[in-house]
């Protein structure tokens, strides 16, 4: 017999029992389905046999739970799609990226992707859900996995595992449909109770529950601008032959990374130059307002944009919106009583509008500087007056929110949304969330510039993400331009920096689980040196060595 402690209560189970048996005893007390469990602090799938220790249920309200739900729903969609379209007619089904509370999926093959086909796929998914089909897991030798994926014509996975040193691969199966997924899965298809499919652009969107939305499913609202930049980045990766991690590893191992770095940097510089040309073309534009989530490379981007604007005859002046913070003692607090530095109320919006309006009228203005050590706004004689060719380039969390610049004429503003929108995926079915790339960027930068540990960065990340959800993402579609700062090669460069930081996180702390996940993720990549990274690259903002003031 095995003793399991649940919510302070000790229960006893036969050694042959699985966690499914344990979950059945406590599920009636839970509001949401238990999808995984933590046993002695370690995540475990429900099909595993019980072992002695303390159990913590994991539901869709937890990050590992929602991730397992999403992966399982993707596999369910794939099985249904291959069945309905016919495996002989399907060349590939690409799960590309997240777009407005849904996953964008691009099926490729000899079929008409229309509503009739989608309805049939959905009916087949519903059938599998009603059957509560077990999602079986087995481990096979890596060489056998390579042969298996070649047989299934999943060539991205075949290439992926040619660069893995691990001896075995976990294969998941729904009946006779086999696949590989990076991460845990739910125990059977019956757990996928809420989903929807919708035709969208050149593919379809799989709409799934979100931990932060109380309704079973969020409402899908197309984001044309965001989709466009994500799709363009995906197509560009396809054009240069680097769509996934295996492609990148192939370039590194066969050619080295130098040429790909030059291509990527040239591609970004051209995009920055195009944005600068749009700004310069409209002479009424006097304020360039840049915003984006954490670790998007906003500072480097603003410098490189300013250089392009200077090349077009303009005189850019940087304005740091954070200099308009109210004094710390006047800052709002969050529900925990901590200062909420991400709230709009942390800024002296009235003074900002008075100063910017005066500048637009041609008046001279003394600009403030915020003393972050003392927590007060100071004036040190920094004066500015705009001439006919002068233009303000400002970055800040709220720059896309018109409440920040309510008194400034619309025609004077050019808004830019910047984010590191990772276009690379692990393989055709395993996408890389953009937040993972930004978290690794921030972790490396925080350790280098602030002496912050990876543990601290991971601990603070959920709060950072909440601030982005509230203050940036709702306004991104209103931007005049979007810029993707992700570099197709960057995760291979970040790996040697990030791995030691992640290994330093103690096993007995809550952040260890996330550190382990990231280490397993980085294991897909061949790590490379940063010596060939140009000194004006956005990546230099995080790894160091930039020639710009970042």
Protein backbone atom coordinates (compact mmCIF):
# COMPACT_ATOMS: atom_id res chain seq x y z
CA UNK A 1 0.00 0.00 0.00
CA UNK A 2 1.04 3.62 -0.66
CA UNK A 3 0.26 6.60 1.59
CA UNK A 4 -0.71 9.88 -0.13
CA UNK A 5 -1.30 13.17 1.68
CA UNK A 6 -3.96 15.40 0.10
CA UNK A 7 -4.92 18.76 1.63
CA UNK A 8 -3.59 17.61 4.98
CA UNK A 9 -5.56 14.34 4.88
CA UNK A 10 -3.71 11.02 4.52
CA UNK A 11 -5.18 8.37 2.21
CA UNK A 12 -3.95 4.87 1.37
CA UNK A 13 -3.94 3.26 -2.09
CA UNK A 14 -2.77 -0.04 -3.60
CA UNK A 15 0.61 0.14 -5.32
CA UNK A 16 -0.98 -0.77 -8.67
CA UNK A 17 -3.32 2.26 -8.49
CA UNK A 18 -2.74 5.26 -10.75
CA UNK A 19 -3.21 8.94 -10.05
CA UNK A 20 -6.53 8.66 -11.91
CA UNK A 21 -7.81 6.61 -8.96
CA UNK A 22 -6.61 9.26 -6.51
CA UNK A 23 -8.10 12.12 -8.53
CA UNK A 24 -11.50 10.43 -8.60
CA UNK A 25 -11.60 10.70 -4.80
CA UNK A 26 -10.93 14.45 -4.68
CA UNK A 27 -12.46 15.66 -7.98
CA UNK A 28 -15.94 16.27 -6.44
CA UNK A 29 -14.35 18.90 -4.18
CA UNK A 30 -12.85 20.77 -7.17
CA UNK A 31 -14.50 23.40 -9.36
CA UNK A 32 -12.35 22.53 -12.40
CA UNK A 33 -11.14 19.20 -13.77
CA UNK A 34 -7.84 17.96 -12.39
CA UNK A 35 -5.59 17.56 -15.42
CA UNK A 36 -2.22 16.79 -13.82
CA UNK A 37 -0.89 16.43 -10.29
CA UNK A 38 2.19 17.60 -8.44
CA UNK A 39 3.64 14.91 -6.24
CA UNK A 40 6.27 16.13 -3.79
CA UNK A 41 6.58 19.24 -5.94
CA UNK A 42 7.09 17.36 -9.24
CA UNK A 43 4.55 17.42 -12.10
CA UNK A 44 3.12 14.05 -13.02
CA UNK A 45 0.60 12.79 -15.57
CA UNK A 46 -2.46 10.96 -14.27
CA UNK A 47 -1.69 7.62 -15.92
CA UNK A 48 1.40 7.11 -13.74
CA UNK A 49 1.29 4.77 -10.75
CA UNK A 50 0.89 6.33 -7.32
CA UNK A 51 3.85 6.82 -5.04
CA UNK A 52 4.17 7.97 -1.48
CA UNK A 53 4.12 11.71 -0.91
CA UNK A 54 2.04 14.87 -0.88
CA UNK A 55 -0.30 15.59 -3.78
CA UNK A 56 -1.32 18.95 -5.22
CA UNK A 57 -3.97 18.99 -7.99
CA UNK A 58 -3.30 20.96 -11.19
CA UNK A 59 -6.27 22.35 -13.13
CA UNK A 60 -6.84 24.53 -16.15
CA UNK A 61 -6.38 27.56 -13.87
CA UNK A 62 -2.69 26.65 -13.50
CA UNK A 63 -0.07 27.27 -16.18
CA UNK A 64 0.98 23.59 -16.52
CA UNK A 65 -2.68 22.58 -16.66
CA UNK A 66 -3.64 24.99 -19.43
CA UNK A 67 -0.52 23.97 -21.39
CA UNK A 68 -1.42 20.27 -21.11
CA UNK A 69 -4.99 21.04 -22.19
CA UNK A 70 -3.75 22.96 -25.25
CA UNK A 71 -1.29 20.27 -26.32
CA UNK A 72 -3.93 17.56 -25.94
CA UNK A 73 -6.48 19.59 -27.91
CA UNK A 74 -3.94 20.08 -30.71
CA UNK A 75 -3.35 16.33 -30.89
CA UNK A 76 -7.12 15.76 -30.92
CA UNK A 77 -7.47 18.21 -33.83
CA UNK A 78 -4.64 16.52 -35.73
CA UNK A 79 -6.11 13.05 -35.33
CA UNK A 80 -9.53 14.26 -36.48
CA UNK A 81 -8.13 16.25 -39.40
CA UNK A 82 -6.04 13.37 -40.72
CA UNK A 83 -9.06 11.05 -40.40
CA UNK A 84 -11.48 13.39 -42.22
CA UNK A 85 -9.14 14.63 -44.96
CA UNK A 86 -7.48 11.25 -45.39
CA UNK A 87 -3.85 10.73 -44.33
CA UNK A 88 -2.80 10.29 -47.95
CA UNK A 89 -4.10 13.81 -48.72
CA UNK A 90 -2.38 15.61 -45.84
CA UNK A 91 1.19 16.78 -46.41
CA UNK A 92 1.53 18.70 -43.17
CA UNK A 93 -0.49 20.50 -40.52
CA UNK A 94 1.45 23.44 -39.12
CA UNK A 95 0.54 24.82 -35.69
CA UNK A 96 2.10 28.24 -36.09
CA UNK A 97 1.35 30.87 -33.45
CA UNK A 98 -1.15 32.33 -31.03
CA UNK A 99 -3.43 35.05 -32.37
CA UNK A 100 -6.12 36.64 -30.16
CA UNK A 101 -6.94 33.77 -27.83
CA UNK A 102 -6.58 31.09 -30.49
CA UNK A 103 -3.91 28.99 -32.19
CA UNK A 104 -3.45 29.59 -35.91
CA UNK A 105 -3.18 26.31 -37.79
CA UNK A 106 -2.19 25.90 -41.45
CA UNK A 107 -3.16 22.55 -43.02
CA UNK A 108 -1.35 21.79 -46.30
CA UNK A 109 -2.43 19.10 -48.74
CA UNK A 110 -4.90 18.01 -51.40
CA UNK A 111 -8.22 19.11 -49.91
CA UNK A 112 -10.46 22.17 -49.88
CA UNK A 113 -10.25 23.91 -46.52
CA UNK A 114 -13.83 25.15 -46.23
CA UNK A 115 -16.62 25.23 -43.68
CA UNK A 116 -17.93 21.83 -44.74
CA UNK A 117 -14.56 20.20 -44.03
CA UNK A 118 -14.23 22.08 -40.77
CA UNK A 119 -17.67 20.93 -39.62
CA UNK A 120 -16.70 17.32 -40.33
CA UNK A 121 -13.46 17.71 -38.39
CA UNK A 122 -15.34 19.19 -35.45
CA UNK A 123 -17.87 16.34 -35.51
CA UNK A 124 -15.04 13.82 -35.46
CA UNK A 125 -13.37 15.64 -32.53
CA UNK A 126 -16.66 15.58 -30.63
CA UNK A 127 -16.91 11.84 -31.30
CA UNK A 128 -13.43 11.22 -29.86
CA UNK A 129 -14.25 13.39 -26.83
CA UNK A 130 -17.42 11.41 -26.14
CA UNK A 131 -15.38 8.18 -26.40
CA UNK A 132 -12.95 9.41 -23.72
CA UNK A 133 -10.16 7.87 -25.74
CA UNK A 134 -7.03 7.31 -23.63
CA UNK A 135 -3.94 9.29 -24.57
CA UNK A 136 -1.27 6.62 -24.21
CA UNK A 137 2.41 7.34 -23.63
CA UNK A 138 5.42 5.17 -24.27
CA UNK A 139 9.16 5.74 -24.53
CA UNK A 140 11.08 4.40 -27.52
CA UNK A 141 14.75 4.66 -28.58
CA UNK A 142 15.56 7.86 -30.46
CA UNK A 143 16.60 5.91 -33.58
CA UNK A 144 13.22 4.17 -33.58
CA UNK A 145 11.48 7.54 -33.21
CA UNK A 146 13.32 8.87 -36.27
CA UNK A 147 12.11 5.88 -38.30
CA UNK A 148 8.57 6.23 -36.89
CA UNK A 149 8.22 9.86 -37.88
CA UNK A 150 9.63 9.16 -41.34
CA UNK A 151 6.95 6.49 -41.76
CA UNK A 152 4.27 8.96 -40.64
CA UNK A 153 5.69 11.62 -43.03
CA UNK A 154 6.29 13.97 -40.09
CA UNK A 155 9.63 15.02 -41.51
CA UNK A 156 10.17 18.01 -39.21
CA UNK A 157 10.15 15.66 -36.23
CA UNK A 158 12.41 13.22 -38.04
CA UNK A 159 14.98 16.02 -38.54
CA UNK A 160 14.50 17.32 -34.98
CA UNK A 161 15.58 14.08 -33.35
CA UNK A 162 18.66 13.72 -35.52
CA UNK A 163 20.08 16.56 -33.39
CA UNK A 164 19.06 15.13 -29.99
CA UNK A 165 21.51 13.30 -27.71
CA UNK A 166 18.76 11.77 -25.57
CA UNK A 167 18.47 7.99 -25.74
CA UNK A 168 14.68 7.88 -25.73
CA UNK A 169 11.64 9.78 -26.97
CA UNK A 170 8.16 9.93 -25.43
CA UNK A 171 5.52 9.05 -28.00
CA UNK A 172 1.85 9.84 -27.41
CA UNK A 173 -0.92 7.89 -29.10
CA UNK A 174 -4.66 8.35 -29.53
CA UNK A 175 -5.73 4.95 -30.79
CA UNK A 176 -3.56 4.49 -33.92
CA UNK A 177 -2.51 8.15 -34.28
CA UNK A 178 1.01 8.73 -32.95
CA UNK A 179 2.86 11.99 -32.37
CA UNK A 180 5.46 13.71 -30.23
CA UNK A 181 4.67 16.65 -27.95
CA UNK A 182 6.98 18.77 -25.84
CA UNK A 183 5.31 18.59 -22.43
CA UNK A 184 2.66 16.70 -20.51
CA UNK A 185 -0.80 15.64 -21.78
CA UNK A 186 -4.17 14.98 -20.18
CA UNK A 187 -5.18 11.39 -19.50
CA UNK A 188 -7.94 11.03 -22.11
CA UNK A 189 -9.86 13.01 -24.74
CA UNK A 190 -12.84 13.44 -22.40
CA UNK A 191 -10.98 16.23 -20.62
CA UNK A 192 -11.15 18.42 -23.76
CA UNK A 193 -14.62 19.72 -22.97
CA UNK A 194 -14.38 23.18 -24.52
CA UNK A 195 -12.93 24.21 -27.88
CA UNK A 196 -14.00 25.70 -31.19
CA UNK A 197 -12.72 25.83 -34.76
CA UNK A 198 -13.03 28.82 -37.08
CA UNK A 199 -11.78 29.45 -40.61
CA UNK A 200 -9.32 32.33 -40.62
CA UNK A 201 -7.19 33.76 -43.43
CA UNK A 202 -5.17 30.92 -45.02
CA UNK A 203 -5.96 28.38 -42.33
CA UNK A 204 -8.04 27.92 -39.23
CA UNK A 205 -8.01 28.97 -35.59
CA UNK A 206 -8.30 26.50 -32.72
CA UNK A 207 -9.99 28.41 -29.89
CA UNK A 208 -9.30 27.06 -26.41
CA UNK A 209 -10.00 28.05 -22.80
CA UNK A 210 -7.71 30.51 -21.04
CA UNK A 211 -6.81 30.53 -17.39
CA UNK A 212 -7.65 34.24 -17.12
CA UNK A 213 -11.11 34.00 -18.72
CA UNK A 214 -14.02 32.75 -16.63
CA UNK A 215 -16.21 31.80 -19.62
CA UNK A 216 -15.64 28.31 -21.08
CA UNK A 217 -14.19 29.90 -24.23
CA UNK A 218 -12.94 33.41 -24.96
CA UNK A 219 -14.55 35.27 -27.82
CA UNK A 220 -12.34 35.21 -30.91
CA UNK A 221 -11.71 38.71 -32.21
CA UNK A 222 -9.48 38.84 -35.31
CA UNK A 223 -6.35 40.96 -34.98
CA UNK A 224 -5.49 41.74 -38.59
CA UNK A 225 -2.31 43.70 -37.91
CA UNK A 226 -0.85 41.21 -35.46
CA UNK A 227 -1.73 38.28 -37.71
CA UNK A 228 -0.13 40.02 -40.67
CA UNK A 229 3.24 40.53 -38.96
CA UNK A 230 3.23 36.99 -37.56
CA UNK A 231 2.36 35.49 -40.94
CA UNK A 232 4.94 37.64 -42.76
CA UNK A 233 7.60 36.45 -40.30
CA UNK A 234 6.54 32.85 -40.82
CA UNK A 235 6.70 33.24 -44.60
CA UNK A 236 10.12 34.88 -44.38
CA UNK A 237 11.44 31.95 -42.35
CA UNK A 238 10.02 29.62 -44.99
CA UNK A 239 11.72 31.58 -47.78
CA UNK A 240 15.17 31.31 -46.18
CA UNK A 241 14.63 27.65 -45.28
CA UNK A 242 14.51 28.03 -41.48
CA UNK A 243 11.01 27.19 -40.26
CA UNK A 244 11.84 25.22 -37.12
CA UNK A 245 14.55 24.21 -34.68
CA UNK A 246 15.76 21.32 -36.85
CA UNK A 247 16.29 23.72 -39.78
CA UNK A 248 18.25 26.08 -37.53
CA UNK A 249 20.36 23.24 -36.13
CA UNK A 250 21.05 22.11 -39.67
CA UNK A 251 22.33 25.57 -40.64
CA UNK A 252 24.53 25.74 -37.53
CA UNK A 253 26.03 22.28 -38.00
CA UNK A 254 26.54 22.44 -41.76
CA UNK A 255 27.27 26.09 -42.56
CA UNK A 256 27.75 27.96 -39.30
CA UNK A 257 25.55 30.83 -38.22
CA UNK A 258 27.41 33.87 -39.60
CA UNK A 259 25.56 34.15 -42.91
CA UNK A 260 22.12 33.65 -41.33
CA UNK A 261 22.91 36.36 -38.78
CA UNK A 262 23.74 38.82 -41.57
CA UNK A 263 20.53 37.97 -43.44
CA UNK A 264 18.36 38.38 -40.35
CA UNK A 265 19.97 41.66 -39.32
CA UNK A 266 19.63 43.04 -42.85
CA UNK A 267 15.98 42.02 -42.89
CA UNK A 268 15.31 43.89 -39.65
CA UNK A 269 17.26 46.96 -40.73
CA UNK A 270 15.19 47.16 -43.92
CA UNK A 271 11.99 47.01 -41.87
CA UNK A 272 13.22 49.78 -39.56
CA UNK A 273 14.16 51.90 -42.57
CA UNK A 274 10.68 51.42 -44.05
CA UNK A 275 9.05 52.58 -40.81
CA UNK A 276 11.36 55.62 -40.72
CA UNK A 277 10.43 56.48 -44.31
CA UNK A 278 6.72 56.38 -43.42
CA UNK A 279 7.33 58.73 -40.50
CA UNK A 280 9.43 61.16 -42.54
CA UNK A 281 6.89 61.25 -45.35
CA UNK A 282 4.26 62.83 -43.08
CA UNK A 283 5.67 66.17 -41.94
CA UNK A 284 2.90 66.63 -39.37
CA UNK A 285 4.31 63.72 -37.32
CA UNK A 286 6.17 65.10 -34.33
CA UNK A 287 5.83 62.31 -31.77
CA UNK A 288 6.91 58.74 -32.41
CA UNK A 289 5.40 56.66 -29.59
CA UNK A 290 6.85 53.17 -29.04
CA UNK A 291 5.41 50.50 -26.74
CA UNK A 292 5.73 46.77 -26.35
CA UNK A 293 5.93 44.03 -23.74
CA UNK A 294 8.95 43.38 -21.57
CA UNK A 295 12.22 42.43 -23.27
CA UNK A 296 11.06 43.35 -26.75
CA UNK A 297 14.18 45.41 -27.43
CA UNK A 298 12.40 48.77 -27.35
CA UNK A 299 15.52 50.74 -26.42
CA UNK A 300 17.70 49.35 -29.22
CA UNK A 301 14.85 49.72 -31.69
CA UNK A 302 14.30 53.38 -30.76
CA UNK A 303 18.03 54.11 -31.25
CA UNK A 304 18.16 52.36 -34.61
CA UNK A 305 14.96 54.09 -35.72
CA UNK A 306 16.44 57.46 -34.68
CA UNK A 307 19.53 56.78 -36.78
CA UNK A 308 17.33 56.04 -39.80
CA UNK A 309 15.34 59.23 -39.17
CA UNK A 310 18.58 61.23 -39.01
CA UNK A 311 19.58 59.69 -42.33
CA UNK A 312 16.37 61.15 -43.77
CA UNK A 313 17.20 64.65 -42.52
CA UNK A 314 15.19 64.69 -39.28
CA UNK A 315 16.50 65.47 -35.79
CA UNK A 316 15.16 62.89 -33.33
CA UNK A 317 15.12 63.55 -29.58
CA UNK A 318 14.59 60.69 -27.11
CA UNK A 319 11.91 61.14 -24.47
CA UNK A 320 11.66 58.60 -21.66
CA UNK A 321 8.06 58.56 -20.52
CA UNK A 322 9.16 57.00 -17.22
CA UNK A 323 10.64 60.40 -16.30
CA UNK A 324 7.04 61.52 -15.78
CA UNK A 325 6.49 59.09 -12.89
CA UNK A 326 4.76 60.67 -9.93
CA UNK A 327 6.72 60.70 -6.69
CA UNK A 328 6.89 57.21 -5.25
CA UNK A 329 4.80 58.07 -2.20
CA UNK A 330 1.97 59.12 -4.54
CA UNK A 331 2.07 55.92 -6.60
CA UNK A 332 -0.96 53.59 -6.59
CA UNK A 333 -0.73 50.19 -4.94
CA UNK A 334 -1.92 46.78 -6.06
CA UNK A 335 -4.13 44.33 -4.17
CA UNK A 336 -1.12 43.10 -2.18
CA UNK A 337 -0.24 46.62 -1.05
CA UNK A 338 2.83 46.90 -3.29
CA UNK A 339 3.49 49.88 -5.54
CA UNK A 340 1.90 49.23 -8.93
CA UNK A 341 4.45 50.84 -11.24
CA UNK A 342 2.67 49.53 -14.33
CA UNK A 343 -0.55 51.47 -13.75
CA UNK A 344 -1.20 54.56 -15.87
CA UNK A 345 -1.82 56.46 -12.63
CA UNK A 346 1.90 56.10 -11.86
CA UNK A 347 2.51 58.76 -14.50
CA UNK A 348 1.80 62.47 -14.20
CA UNK A 349 -0.38 62.42 -17.30
CA UNK A 350 -1.42 66.06 -16.95
CA UNK A 351 2.17 67.33 -16.83
CA UNK A 352 3.15 65.09 -19.73
CA UNK A 353 0.38 66.54 -21.90
CA UNK A 354 1.20 70.11 -20.89
CA UNK A 355 4.87 69.66 -21.78
CA UNK A 356 4.26 67.86 -25.08
CA UNK A 357 1.60 70.38 -26.13
CA UNK A 358 3.99 73.25 -25.37
CA UNK A 359 6.70 71.59 -27.48
CA UNK A 360 4.27 71.19 -30.38
CA UNK A 361 3.48 74.91 -30.14
CA UNK A 362 7.18 75.68 -30.51
CA UNK A 363 7.76 76.67 -26.90
CA UNK A 364 10.84 75.79 -24.87
CA UNK A 365 10.21 73.21 -22.14
CA UNK A 366 12.29 71.99 -19.23
CA UNK A 367 11.99 68.21 -19.19
CA UNK A 368 12.02 66.21 -15.95
CA UNK A 369 14.23 63.34 -14.91
CA UNK A 370 13.03 60.73 -12.47
CA UNK A 371 15.39 59.80 -9.67
CA UNK A 372 14.62 56.11 -9.22
CA UNK A 373 16.82 55.83 -6.16
CA UNK A 374 14.99 58.59 -4.28
CA UNK A 375 11.63 57.97 -5.94
CA UNK A 376 11.10 61.62 -6.91
CA UNK A 377 10.85 63.64 -10.12
CA UNK A 378 13.62 66.22 -10.52
CA UNK A 379 14.49 69.08 -12.88
CA UNK A 380 18.13 69.52 -13.89
CA UNK A 381 17.98 72.17 -16.61
CA UNK A 382 17.27 69.81 -19.52
CA UNK A 383 15.55 72.17 -21.95
CA UNK A 384 14.17 71.45 -25.39
CA UNK A 385 12.56 73.45 -28.19
CA UNK A 386 11.42 71.85 -31.42
CA UNK A 387 12.47 73.20 -34.81
CA UNK A 388 10.91 72.27 -38.17
CA UNK A 389 13.02 69.09 -38.51
CA UNK A 390 12.90 68.02 -34.86
CA UNK A 391 10.89 64.96 -33.83
CA UNK A 392 10.36 63.27 -30.46
CA UNK A 393 11.02 59.54 -30.16
CA UNK A 394 9.54 58.20 -26.94
CA UNK A 395 9.10 54.76 -25.48
CA UNK A 396 6.99 53.68 -22.54
CA UNK A 397 4.52 51.10 -21.33
CA UNK A 398 1.47 53.27 -22.09
CA UNK A 399 2.54 54.92 -25.34
CA UNK A 400 -0.20 53.19 -27.37
CA UNK A 401 -2.90 54.23 -24.91
CA UNK A 402 -4.56 57.49 -25.98
CA UNK A 403 -5.31 58.25 -22.33
CA UNK A 404 -1.60 59.00 -21.93
CA UNK A 405 -1.55 61.55 -24.77
CA UNK A 406 -5.20 62.66 -24.72
CA UNK A 407 -4.43 66.36 -25.37
CA UNK A 408 -2.13 65.80 -28.34
CA UNK A 409 -3.51 65.95 -31.88
CA UNK A 410 -3.85 62.56 -33.56
CA UNK A 411 -2.01 63.69 -36.70
CA UNK A 412 1.09 64.51 -34.64
CA UNK A 413 1.43 60.94 -33.32
CA UNK A 414 2.91 57.85 -34.98
CA UNK A 415 2.46 54.76 -32.80
CA UNK A 416 4.68 51.69 -33.05
CA UNK A 417 4.05 48.34 -31.39
CA UNK A 418 7.16 46.21 -30.94
CA UNK A 419 7.35 42.66 -29.65
CA UNK A 420 9.60 39.61 -29.95
CA UNK A 421 7.15 37.46 -31.93
CA UNK A 422 9.07 34.21 -32.26
CA UNK A 423 8.51 32.82 -35.76
CA UNK A 424 10.51 29.66 -35.11
CA UNK A 425 8.76 26.51 -33.86
CA UNK A 426 10.13 23.28 -32.41
CA UNK A 427 8.42 21.32 -35.19
CA UNK A 428 5.15 21.41 -37.13
CA UNK A 429 3.02 20.61 -34.07
CA UNK A 430 5.02 22.16 -31.20
CA UNK A 431 5.10 25.93 -31.28
CA UNK A 432 7.38 28.18 -29.25
CA UNK A 433 5.33 30.70 -27.23
CA UNK A 434 6.62 34.24 -27.73
CA UNK A 435 6.69 34.71 -23.97
CA UNK A 436 9.41 32.03 -23.63
CA UNK A 437 11.81 33.96 -25.83
CA UNK A 438 11.16 37.20 -23.95
CA UNK A 439 11.56 35.48 -20.57
CA UNK A 440 14.96 34.11 -21.59
CA UNK A 441 16.02 37.53 -22.90
CA UNK A 442 15.03 39.18 -19.63
CA UNK A 443 16.68 36.49 -17.53
CA UNK A 444 20.01 36.98 -19.28
CA UNK A 445 19.78 40.78 -19.13
CA UNK A 446 18.69 40.88 -15.48
CA UNK A 447 21.62 38.70 -14.46
CA UNK A 448 24.08 40.85 -16.41
CA UNK A 449 22.85 44.36 -15.58
CA UNK A 450 20.99 44.03 -12.27
CA UNK A 451 22.63 41.06 -10.59
CA UNK A 452 19.20 39.43 -10.40
CA UNK A 453 19.00 35.64 -10.26
CA UNK A 454 17.04 33.55 -12.74
CA UNK A 455 14.88 32.50 -9.81
CA UNK A 456 13.92 36.12 -9.15
CA UNK A 457 13.18 36.79 -12.82
CA UNK A 458 10.92 33.73 -13.06
CA UNK A 459 9.16 34.65 -9.81
CA UNK A 460 8.34 38.15 -11.06
CA UNK A 461 7.37 37.08 -14.59
CA UNK A 462 3.64 36.41 -13.91
CA UNK A 463 3.26 39.95 -12.53
CA UNK A 464 5.03 41.36 -15.60
CA UNK A 465 2.71 39.37 -17.87
CA UNK A 466 -0.39 40.66 -16.05
CA UNK A 467 0.79 44.23 -16.60
CA UNK A 468 1.22 43.53 -20.31
CA UNK A 469 -2.26 42.02 -20.58
CA UNK A 470 -3.77 45.12 -18.95
CA UNK A 471 -1.70 47.93 -20.42
CA UNK A 472 -0.21 46.90 -23.78
CA UNK A 473 -2.01 44.09 -25.60
CA UNK A 474 -5.45 45.80 -25.62
CA UNK A 475 -3.96 48.71 -27.62
CA UNK A 476 -1.64 46.90 -30.05
CA UNK A 477 -4.08 46.85 -32.98
CA UNK A 478 -4.27 50.66 -32.85
CA UNK A 479 -0.59 51.04 -33.74
CA UNK A 480 0.41 52.66 -37.04
CA UNK A 481 3.24 50.14 -37.45
CA UNK A 482 4.29 46.86 -35.90
CA UNK A 483 7.84 45.56 -35.61
CA UNK A 484 8.87 42.01 -34.82
CA UNK A 485 12.12 42.14 -32.86
CA UNK A 486 12.56 38.35 -32.63
CA UNK A 487 15.71 37.04 -34.30
CA UNK A 488 15.43 33.66 -35.93
CA UNK A 489 18.80 32.59 -34.52
CA UNK A 490 18.61 34.12 -31.03
CA UNK A 491 17.64 31.10 -28.92
CA UNK A 492 20.78 29.27 -30.07
CA UNK A 493 22.83 32.28 -28.91
CA UNK A 494 20.93 32.76 -25.65
CA UNK A 495 21.32 29.08 -24.68
CA UNK A 496 24.93 29.28 -23.37
CA UNK A 497 23.97 32.34 -21.28
CA UNK A 498 20.68 30.98 -19.93
CA UNK A 499 21.55 27.37 -19.10
CA UNK A 500 23.97 28.11 -16.19
CA UNK A 501 21.47 30.61 -14.76
CA UNK A 502 18.67 28.05 -14.85
CA UNK A 503 20.83 25.32 -13.30
CA UNK A 504 21.51 27.65 -10.36
CA UNK A 505 17.86 27.52 -9.24
CA UNK A 506 17.48 25.24 -6.17
CA UNK A 507 15.36 22.12 -6.49
CA UNK A 508 13.31 22.95 -3.42
CA UNK A 509 11.92 26.31 -4.65
CA UNK A 510 8.70 26.93 -6.63
CA UNK A 511 10.63 28.30 -9.62
CA UNK A 512 12.48 25.03 -10.18
CA UNK A 513 9.59 23.56 -12.17
CA UNK A 514 9.71 26.40 -14.72
CA UNK A 515 13.52 26.25 -14.82
CA UNK A 516 13.35 22.53 -15.66
CA UNK A 517 10.85 23.20 -18.44
CA UNK A 518 13.07 25.87 -19.96
CA UNK A 519 16.16 23.67 -19.73
CA UNK A 520 14.37 20.88 -21.56
CA UNK A 521 13.24 23.39 -24.18
CA UNK A 522 16.76 24.76 -24.72
CA UNK A 523 18.04 21.21 -25.11
CA UNK A 524 16.52 21.19 -28.61
CA UNK A 525 19.00 23.85 -29.75
CA UNK A 526 22.66 23.65 -30.68
CA UNK A 527 24.23 26.46 -28.65
CA UNK A 528 26.53 28.90 -30.45
CA UNK A 529 28.91 31.73 -29.57
CA UNK A 530 27.77 35.37 -29.71
CA UNK A 531 30.98 36.64 -31.31
CA UNK A 532 29.39 37.18 -34.73
CA UNK A 533 26.42 39.19 -33.42
CA UNK A 534 26.64 42.79 -34.74
CA UNK A 535 27.15 45.41 -32.03
CA UNK A 536 23.92 47.23 -32.98
CA UNK A 537 21.81 44.06 -32.89
CA UNK A 538 18.71 44.01 -30.71
CA UNK A 539 20.14 40.88 -29.08
CA UNK A 540 23.07 42.94 -27.74
CA UNK A 541 20.61 44.75 -25.46
CA UNK A 542 20.35 41.48 -23.54
CA UNK A 543 23.70 39.72 -23.86
CA UNK A 544 25.82 42.91 -23.72
CA UNK A 545 28.32 44.49 -26.07
CA UNK A 546 25.98 46.98 -27.75
CA UNK A 547 27.44 50.07 -29.39
CA UNK A 548 24.20 51.90 -28.48
CA UNK A 549 23.25 53.37 -25.12
CA UNK A 550 20.94 50.60 -23.94
